[in-house]
């Protein structure tokens, strides 16, 4: 890849990841969600693979944590989905309930919909980056 492409790929990584997190946290109240955020974040990693190649990307990005992140994301999403059943409530019941007091971190409302979207984000991002890792992995050449 050219020097120009590598410089822009490195410059764009942080804004792409910030945009992905913004999609995640705004998903319950506006356009976006965990799935879209995970796809955008994985696209940022894909740009790095295209610009730098597999060895250099895996030297400066922790892409090998993507598989476990996908597993933990799936576990979180399933816990939020089926956890209320343990308490005798319907699956995917929101906590706090509509009309109840919501905890805020800055302007961000913290509730189970955000946790579910975070699980989806981790699952999608981790799954896509794991696939990128295996696609980019060099294959041994076969003798004819």
N, C-alpha and C. Protein backbone atom coordinates (compact mmCIF):
# COMPACT_ATOMS: atom_id res chain seq x y z
N UNK A 1 0.83 -1.18 0.00
CA UNK A 1 0.00 0.00 0.00
C UNK A 1 0.88 1.24 0.00
N UNK A 2 0.32 2.31 -0.50
CA UNK A 2 1.07 3.55 -0.57
C UNK A 2 1.16 4.21 0.81
N UNK A 3 2.11 5.08 0.94
CA UNK A 3 2.31 5.83 2.18
C UNK A 3 1.05 6.63 2.52
N UNK A 4 0.43 7.23 1.51
CA UNK A 4 -0.77 8.04 1.69
C UNK A 4 -1.89 7.21 2.31
N UNK A 5 -2.12 6.01 1.80
CA UNK A 5 -3.18 5.15 2.31
C UNK A 5 -2.89 4.74 3.75
N UNK A 6 -1.65 4.42 4.05
CA UNK A 6 -1.29 4.01 5.41
C UNK A 6 -1.48 5.15 6.41
N UNK A 7 -1.09 6.35 6.02
CA UNK A 7 -1.27 7.49 6.92
C UNK A 7 -2.74 7.73 7.20
N UNK A 8 -3.57 7.73 6.16
CA UNK A 8 -4.99 7.98 6.36
C UNK A 8 -5.68 6.84 7.09
N UNK A 9 -5.24 5.64 6.87
CA UNK A 9 -5.82 4.51 7.61
C UNK A 9 -5.55 4.66 9.10
N UNK A 10 -4.34 5.05 9.45
CA UNK A 10 -3.99 5.23 10.86
C UNK A 10 -4.74 6.42 11.46
N UNK A 11 -4.87 7.51 10.70
CA UNK A 11 -5.57 8.70 11.19
C UNK A 11 -7.06 8.42 11.40
N UNK A 12 -7.67 7.64 10.52
CA UNK A 12 -9.12 7.41 10.57
C UNK A 12 -9.54 6.36 11.60
N UNK A 13 -8.62 5.57 12.12
CA UNK A 13 -9.00 4.50 13.05
C UNK A 13 -9.72 5.05 14.28
N UNK A 14 -9.16 6.04 14.95
CA UNK A 14 -9.79 6.58 16.17
C UNK A 14 -11.17 7.17 15.89
N UNK A 15 -11.35 8.03 14.86
CA UNK A 15 -12.70 8.53 14.61
C UNK A 15 -13.70 7.44 14.25
N UNK A 16 -13.26 6.40 13.57
CA UNK A 16 -14.17 5.30 13.24
C UNK A 16 -14.62 4.60 14.52
N UNK A 17 -13.68 4.33 15.43
CA UNK A 17 -14.04 3.66 16.68
C UNK A 17 -14.93 4.54 17.56
N UNK A 18 -14.68 5.84 17.59
CA UNK A 18 -15.53 6.76 18.35
C UNK A 18 -16.94 6.78 17.77
N UNK A 19 -17.03 6.79 16.44
CA UNK A 19 -18.35 6.75 15.79
C UNK A 19 -19.08 5.46 16.14
N UNK A 20 -18.35 4.35 16.18
CA UNK A 20 -18.97 3.06 16.53
C UNK A 20 -19.53 3.08 17.95
N UNK A 21 -18.78 3.64 18.88
CA UNK A 21 -19.26 3.72 20.26
C UNK A 21 -20.44 4.68 20.35
N UNK A 22 -20.41 5.77 19.58
CA UNK A 22 -21.55 6.71 19.58
C UNK A 22 -22.80 6.02 19.06
N UNK A 23 -22.66 5.20 18.02
CA UNK A 23 -23.82 4.44 17.53
C UNK A 23 -24.35 3.49 18.60
N UNK A 24 -23.45 2.89 19.34
CA UNK A 24 -23.85 1.96 20.40
C UNK A 24 -24.66 2.67 21.48
N UNK A 25 -24.14 3.78 22.00
CA UNK A 25 -24.81 4.41 23.14
C UNK A 25 -26.03 5.22 22.76
N UNK A 26 -26.17 5.59 21.50
CA UNK A 26 -27.35 6.34 21.07
C UNK A 26 -28.43 5.44 20.49
N UNK A 27 -28.17 4.16 20.39
CA UNK A 27 -29.07 3.25 19.70
C UNK A 27 -30.46 3.14 20.28
N UNK A 28 -30.61 3.23 21.58
CA UNK A 28 -31.94 3.05 22.18
C UNK A 28 -32.80 4.30 22.04
N UNK A 29 -32.19 5.46 21.79
CA UNK A 29 -32.95 6.70 21.73
C UNK A 29 -32.95 7.34 20.35
N UNK A 30 -32.12 6.87 19.46
CA UNK A 30 -31.98 7.50 18.15
C UNK A 30 -31.51 6.43 17.17
N UNK A 31 -31.06 6.88 15.99
CA UNK A 31 -30.58 5.95 14.98
C UNK A 31 -29.29 5.31 15.43
N UNK A 32 -29.20 4.00 15.28
CA UNK A 32 -28.00 3.26 15.66
C UNK A 32 -28.32 2.18 16.67
N UNK A 33 -27.39 1.29 16.85
CA UNK A 33 -27.55 0.21 17.82
C UNK A 33 -26.24 -0.54 17.93
N UNK A 34 -26.23 -1.60 18.69
CA UNK A 34 -25.01 -2.39 18.87
C UNK A 34 -24.55 -3.06 17.60
N UNK A 35 -25.49 -3.52 16.77
CA UNK A 35 -25.11 -4.19 15.54
C UNK A 35 -24.39 -3.23 14.59
N UNK A 36 -25.00 -2.06 14.37
CA UNK A 36 -24.38 -1.07 13.48
C UNK A 36 -23.03 -0.61 14.04
N UNK A 37 -22.95 -0.39 15.33
CA UNK A 37 -21.68 0.01 15.93
C UNK A 37 -20.61 -1.05 15.77
N UNK A 38 -20.97 -2.32 15.93
CA UNK A 38 -20.01 -3.41 15.75
C UNK A 38 -19.51 -3.50 14.32
N UNK A 39 -20.40 -3.30 13.36
CA UNK A 39 -20.01 -3.34 11.95
C UNK A 39 -19.08 -2.17 11.62
N UNK A 40 -19.38 -0.98 12.12
CA UNK A 40 -18.54 0.19 11.85
C UNK A 40 -17.16 -0.01 12.47
N UNK A 41 -17.10 -0.50 13.71
CA UNK A 41 -15.81 -0.74 14.35
C UNK A 41 -15.00 -1.80 13.60
N UNK A 42 -15.65 -2.86 13.14
CA UNK A 42 -14.94 -3.89 12.38
C UNK A 42 -14.47 -3.36 11.04
N UNK A 43 -15.20 -2.41 10.47
CA UNK A 43 -14.76 -1.79 9.22
C UNK A 43 -13.48 -1.00 9.44
N UNK A 44 -13.34 -0.36 10.59
CA UNK A 44 -12.10 0.34 10.92
C UNK A 44 -10.93 -0.62 11.01
N UNK A 45 -11.15 -1.78 11.58
CA UNK A 45 -10.09 -2.79 11.66
C UNK A 45 -9.79 -3.34 10.26
N UNK A 46 -10.81 -3.53 9.44
CA UNK A 46 -10.61 -3.99 8.07
C UNK A 46 -9.74 -3.01 7.30
N UNK A 47 -9.97 -1.72 7.48
CA UNK A 47 -9.14 -0.71 6.83
C UNK A 47 -7.68 -0.87 7.23
N UNK A 48 -7.43 -1.20 8.49
CA UNK A 48 -6.06 -1.42 8.94
C UNK A 48 -5.44 -2.64 8.27
N UNK A 49 -6.21 -3.71 8.14
CA UNK A 49 -5.72 -4.92 7.47
C UNK A 49 -5.36 -4.62 6.01
N UNK A 50 -6.21 -3.86 5.34
CA UNK A 50 -5.96 -3.54 3.93
C UNK A 50 -4.70 -2.68 3.80
N UNK A 51 -4.54 -1.71 4.68
CA UNK A 51 -3.43 -0.77 4.56
C UNK A 51 -2.10 -1.36 5.02
N UNK A 52 -2.11 -2.17 6.08
CA UNK A 52 -0.85 -2.59 6.70
C UNK A 52 -0.54 -4.07 6.58
N UNK A 53 -1.52 -4.89 6.34
CA UNK A 53 -1.27 -6.33 6.29
C UNK A 53 -1.45 -6.98 7.65
N UNK A 54 -1.55 -8.28 7.62
CA UNK A 54 -1.90 -9.05 8.82
C UNK A 54 -0.86 -8.93 9.94
N UNK A 55 0.41 -9.08 9.64
CA UNK A 55 1.43 -9.07 10.70
C UNK A 55 1.49 -7.74 11.44
N UNK A 56 1.49 -6.65 10.70
CA UNK A 56 1.61 -5.34 11.35
C UNK A 56 0.36 -4.97 12.13
N UNK A 57 -0.82 -5.34 11.62
CA UNK A 57 -2.05 -5.03 12.35
C UNK A 57 -2.09 -5.79 13.66
N UNK A 58 -1.75 -7.05 13.62
CA UNK A 58 -1.82 -7.86 14.83
C UNK A 58 -0.71 -7.53 15.81
N UNK A 59 0.29 -6.76 15.36
CA UNK A 59 1.33 -6.29 16.27
C UNK A 59 0.87 -5.08 17.07
N UNK A 60 0.01 -4.22 16.48
CA UNK A 60 -0.39 -3.01 17.21
C UNK A 60 -1.85 -2.98 17.62
N UNK A 61 -2.68 -3.92 17.18
CA UNK A 61 -4.07 -3.99 17.62
C UNK A 61 -4.31 -5.34 18.30
N UNK A 62 -5.06 -5.36 19.39
CA UNK A 62 -5.32 -6.62 20.09
C UNK A 62 -6.43 -7.45 19.43
N UNK A 63 -6.26 -7.80 18.14
CA UNK A 63 -7.31 -8.50 17.42
C UNK A 63 -7.49 -9.93 17.90
N UNK A 64 -6.50 -10.51 18.56
CA UNK A 64 -6.65 -11.88 19.03
C UNK A 64 -7.62 -11.98 20.21
N UNK A 65 -8.01 -10.85 20.78
CA UNK A 65 -9.02 -10.83 21.83
C UNK A 65 -10.42 -10.80 21.25
N UNK A 66 -10.54 -10.75 19.92
CA UNK A 66 -11.85 -10.62 19.29
C UNK A 66 -12.72 -11.85 19.53
N UNK A 67 -12.16 -13.04 19.45
CA UNK A 67 -12.94 -14.26 19.68
C UNK A 67 -13.54 -14.32 21.07
N UNK A 68 -12.71 -14.15 22.13
CA UNK A 68 -13.28 -14.11 23.48
C UNK A 68 -14.28 -12.96 23.67
N UNK A 69 -14.03 -11.81 23.03
CA UNK A 69 -14.97 -10.68 23.14
C UNK A 69 -16.32 -11.06 22.57
N UNK A 70 -16.31 -11.79 21.45
CA UNK A 70 -17.58 -12.24 20.86
C UNK A 70 -18.31 -13.19 21.81
N UNK A 71 -17.58 -14.07 22.44
CA UNK A 71 -18.20 -14.99 23.40
C UNK A 71 -18.78 -14.28 24.61
N UNK A 72 -18.03 -13.32 25.15
CA UNK A 72 -18.53 -12.56 26.30
C UNK A 72 -19.71 -11.68 25.90
N UNK A 73 -19.68 -11.14 24.69
CA UNK A 73 -20.80 -10.34 24.21
C UNK A 73 -22.07 -11.16 24.08
N UNK A 74 -21.91 -12.37 23.54
CA UNK A 74 -23.08 -13.26 23.42
C UNK A 74 -23.61 -13.64 24.79
N UNK A 75 -22.70 -13.92 25.73
CA UNK A 75 -23.14 -14.25 27.10
C UNK A 75 -23.88 -13.07 27.74
N UNK A 76 -23.38 -11.85 27.54
CA UNK A 76 -24.05 -10.67 28.10
C UNK A 76 -25.43 -10.47 27.49
N UNK A 77 -25.53 -10.59 26.17
CA UNK A 77 -26.83 -10.41 25.51
C UNK A 77 -27.82 -11.48 25.97
N UNK A 78 -27.37 -12.72 26.11
CA UNK A 78 -28.27 -13.78 26.57
C UNK A 78 -28.67 -13.58 28.03
N UNK A 79 -27.75 -13.09 28.86
CA UNK A 79 -28.07 -12.83 30.26
C UNK A 79 -29.12 -11.73 30.39
N UNK A 80 -28.98 -10.68 29.58
CA UNK A 80 -29.96 -9.60 29.63
C UNK A 80 -31.30 -10.08 29.08
N UNK A 81 -31.26 -10.97 28.09
CA UNK A 81 -32.50 -11.47 27.49
C UNK A 81 -33.25 -12.40 28.43
N UNK A 82 -32.55 -13.38 28.98
CA UNK A 82 -33.22 -14.41 29.76
C UNK A 82 -33.06 -14.25 31.27
N UNK A 83 -32.24 -13.31 31.72
CA UNK A 83 -32.07 -13.06 33.15
C UNK A 83 -33.35 -12.69 33.88
N UNK A 84 -34.22 -11.86 33.30
CA UNK A 84 -35.47 -11.54 34.00
C UNK A 84 -36.34 -12.77 34.29
N UNK A 85 -36.19 -13.83 33.50
CA UNK A 85 -36.96 -15.05 33.75
C UNK A 85 -36.64 -15.66 35.10
N UNK A 86 -35.40 -15.48 35.57
CA UNK A 86 -35.01 -15.97 36.89
C UNK A 86 -35.79 -15.24 37.98
N UNK A 87 -36.13 -13.98 37.72
CA UNK A 87 -36.88 -13.18 38.67
C UNK A 87 -38.39 -13.29 38.48
N UNK A 88 -38.82 -14.18 37.59
CA UNK A 88 -40.25 -14.38 37.36
C UNK A 88 -40.86 -13.37 36.40
N UNK A 89 -40.04 -12.68 35.65
CA UNK A 89 -40.54 -11.70 34.68
C UNK A 89 -40.43 -12.26 33.27
N UNK A 90 -41.02 -11.55 32.34
CA UNK A 90 -40.94 -11.95 30.94
C UNK A 90 -39.52 -11.72 30.41
N UNK A 91 -39.09 -12.52 29.43
CA UNK A 91 -37.78 -12.27 28.83
C UNK A 91 -37.70 -10.87 28.24
N UNK A 92 -36.53 -10.30 28.24
CA UNK A 92 -36.23 -8.97 27.72
C UNK A 92 -37.03 -7.89 28.45
N UNK A 93 -37.30 -8.08 29.73
CA UNK A 93 -37.91 -7.03 30.54
C UNK A 93 -36.86 -5.97 30.82
N UNK A 94 -37.24 -4.71 30.69
CA UNK A 94 -36.29 -3.63 30.90
C UNK A 94 -36.23 -3.24 32.37
N UNK A 95 -35.02 -3.00 32.83
CA UNK A 95 -34.78 -2.48 34.17
C UNK A 95 -33.98 -1.20 34.02
N UNK A 96 -34.32 -0.13 34.63
CA UNK A 96 -35.53 0.07 35.39
C UNK A 96 -36.77 0.09 34.50
N UNK A 97 -37.89 -0.18 35.10
CA UNK A 97 -39.15 -0.24 34.37
C UNK A 97 -39.50 1.15 33.82
N UNK A 98 -40.33 1.18 32.77
CA UNK A 98 -40.75 2.48 32.22
C UNK A 98 -41.39 3.34 33.31
N UNK A 99 -40.99 4.58 33.37
CA UNK A 99 -41.50 5.51 34.37
C UNK A 99 -40.73 5.52 35.67
N UNK A 100 -39.83 4.55 35.88
CA UNK A 100 -39.03 4.50 37.12
C UNK A 100 -37.80 5.39 36.96
N UNK A 101 -37.13 5.65 38.07
CA UNK A 101 -35.92 6.47 38.07
C UNK A 101 -34.80 5.76 37.31
N UNK A 102 -34.16 6.48 36.41
CA UNK A 102 -33.06 5.93 35.61
C UNK A 102 -31.76 6.54 36.07
N UNK A 103 -30.72 5.73 36.19
CA UNK A 103 -29.40 6.23 36.55
C UNK A 103 -28.73 6.84 35.32
N UNK A 104 -28.10 7.98 35.52
CA UNK A 104 -27.42 8.68 34.43
C UNK A 104 -25.92 8.69 34.68
N UNK A 105 -25.16 8.53 33.62
CA UNK A 105 -23.72 8.77 33.62
C UNK A 105 -23.52 9.87 32.59
N UNK A 106 -23.37 11.09 33.08
CA UNK A 106 -23.39 12.24 32.17
C UNK A 106 -24.79 12.36 31.61
N UNK A 107 -24.92 12.28 30.29
CA UNK A 107 -26.23 12.32 29.65
C UNK A 107 -26.71 10.93 29.23
N UNK A 108 -25.92 9.92 29.51
CA UNK A 108 -26.22 8.55 29.11
C UNK A 108 -27.10 7.86 30.15
N UNK A 109 -28.23 7.34 29.70
CA UNK A 109 -29.10 6.57 30.59
C UNK A 109 -28.59 5.13 30.67
N UNK A 110 -28.39 4.64 31.87
CA UNK A 110 -27.88 3.29 32.07
C UNK A 110 -29.06 2.37 32.39
N UNK A 111 -29.33 1.44 31.49
CA UNK A 111 -30.40 0.46 31.71
C UNK A 111 -30.11 -0.78 30.88
N UNK A 112 -30.96 -1.77 30.96
CA UNK A 112 -30.68 -3.06 30.34
C UNK A 112 -30.64 -3.01 28.82
N UNK A 113 -31.34 -2.08 28.20
CA UNK A 113 -31.26 -1.98 26.73
C UNK A 113 -29.84 -1.64 26.29
N UNK A 114 -29.17 -0.80 27.06
CA UNK A 114 -27.78 -0.46 26.75
C UNK A 114 -26.88 -1.67 26.95
N UNK A 115 -27.12 -2.45 28.00
CA UNK A 115 -26.33 -3.67 28.22
C UNK A 115 -26.54 -4.67 27.09
N UNK A 116 -27.78 -4.81 26.65
CA UNK A 116 -28.06 -5.73 25.55
C UNK A 116 -27.34 -5.27 24.28
N UNK A 117 -27.41 -3.98 23.97
CA UNK A 117 -26.72 -3.46 22.79
C UNK A 117 -25.21 -3.62 22.91
N UNK A 118 -24.67 -3.47 24.13
CA UNK A 118 -23.23 -3.69 24.32
C UNK A 118 -22.86 -5.14 24.03
N UNK A 119 -23.72 -6.07 24.44
CA UNK A 119 -23.48 -7.48 24.13
C UNK A 119 -23.53 -7.75 22.65
N UNK A 120 -24.49 -7.15 21.96
CA UNK A 120 -24.59 -7.31 20.50
C UNK A 120 -23.36 -6.70 19.83
N UNK A 121 -22.95 -5.52 20.29
CA UNK A 121 -21.76 -4.85 19.75
C UNK A 121 -20.54 -5.77 19.86
N UNK A 122 -20.30 -6.31 21.05
CA UNK A 122 -19.14 -7.18 21.25
C UNK A 122 -19.23 -8.44 20.40
N UNK A 123 -20.42 -9.00 20.27
CA UNK A 123 -20.59 -10.21 19.47
C UNK A 123 -20.31 -9.95 18.00
N UNK A 124 -20.88 -8.88 17.46
CA UNK A 124 -20.69 -8.56 16.04
C UNK A 124 -19.25 -8.16 15.77
N UNK A 125 -18.72 -7.25 16.58
CA UNK A 125 -17.34 -6.80 16.38
C UNK A 125 -16.36 -7.96 16.53
N UNK A 126 -16.51 -8.72 17.59
CA UNK A 126 -15.61 -9.85 17.81
C UNK A 126 -15.70 -10.90 16.72
N UNK A 127 -16.91 -11.21 16.28
CA UNK A 127 -17.08 -12.19 15.21
C UNK A 127 -16.48 -11.73 13.90
N UNK A 128 -16.73 -10.48 13.52
CA UNK A 128 -16.20 -9.97 12.26
C UNK A 128 -14.68 -9.84 12.29
N UNK A 129 -14.12 -9.37 13.39
CA UNK A 129 -12.66 -9.25 13.47
C UNK A 129 -12.01 -10.63 13.51
N UNK A 130 -12.64 -11.59 14.15
CA UNK A 130 -12.10 -12.96 14.12
C UNK A 130 -12.10 -13.51 12.70
N UNK A 131 -13.16 -13.24 11.95
CA UNK A 131 -13.18 -13.67 10.55
C UNK A 131 -12.09 -12.97 9.75
N UNK A 132 -11.91 -11.68 9.97
CA UNK A 132 -10.83 -10.96 9.28
C UNK A 132 -9.48 -11.57 9.60
N UNK A 133 -9.27 -11.92 10.86
CA UNK A 133 -8.00 -12.54 11.27
C UNK A 133 -7.76 -13.84 10.51
N UNK A 134 -8.77 -14.68 10.41
CA UNK A 134 -8.60 -15.97 9.74
C UNK A 134 -8.52 -15.83 8.23
N UNK A 135 -9.20 -14.84 7.66
CA UNK A 135 -9.10 -14.61 6.21
C UNK A 135 -7.72 -14.07 5.86
N UNK A 136 -7.19 -13.18 6.69
CA UNK A 136 -5.90 -12.55 6.40
C UNK A 136 -4.71 -13.45 6.73
N UNK A 137 -4.93 -14.51 7.46
CA UNK A 137 -3.85 -15.40 7.87
C UNK A 137 -3.23 -16.06 6.65
N UNK A 138 -1.88 -15.99 6.54
CA UNK A 138 -1.25 -16.62 5.37
C UNK A 138 -1.42 -18.13 5.38
N UNK A 139 -1.64 -18.69 4.22
CA UNK A 139 -1.82 -20.13 4.07
C UNK A 139 -0.54 -20.74 3.51
N UNK A 140 -0.18 -21.91 3.98
CA UNK A 140 1.00 -22.56 3.40
C UNK A 140 0.73 -22.95 1.95
N UNK A 141 1.72 -22.76 1.13
CA UNK A 141 1.56 -23.12 -0.27
C UNK A 141 1.67 -24.62 -0.45
N UNK A 142 0.85 -25.14 -1.34
CA UNK A 142 0.84 -26.57 -1.61
C UNK A 142 1.75 -26.87 -2.79
N UNK A 143 2.41 -27.97 -2.69
CA UNK A 143 3.28 -28.40 -3.81
C UNK A 143 2.40 -28.98 -4.90
N UNK A 144 2.70 -28.66 -6.17
CA UNK A 144 1.85 -29.18 -7.27
C UNK A 144 2.02 -30.66 -7.49
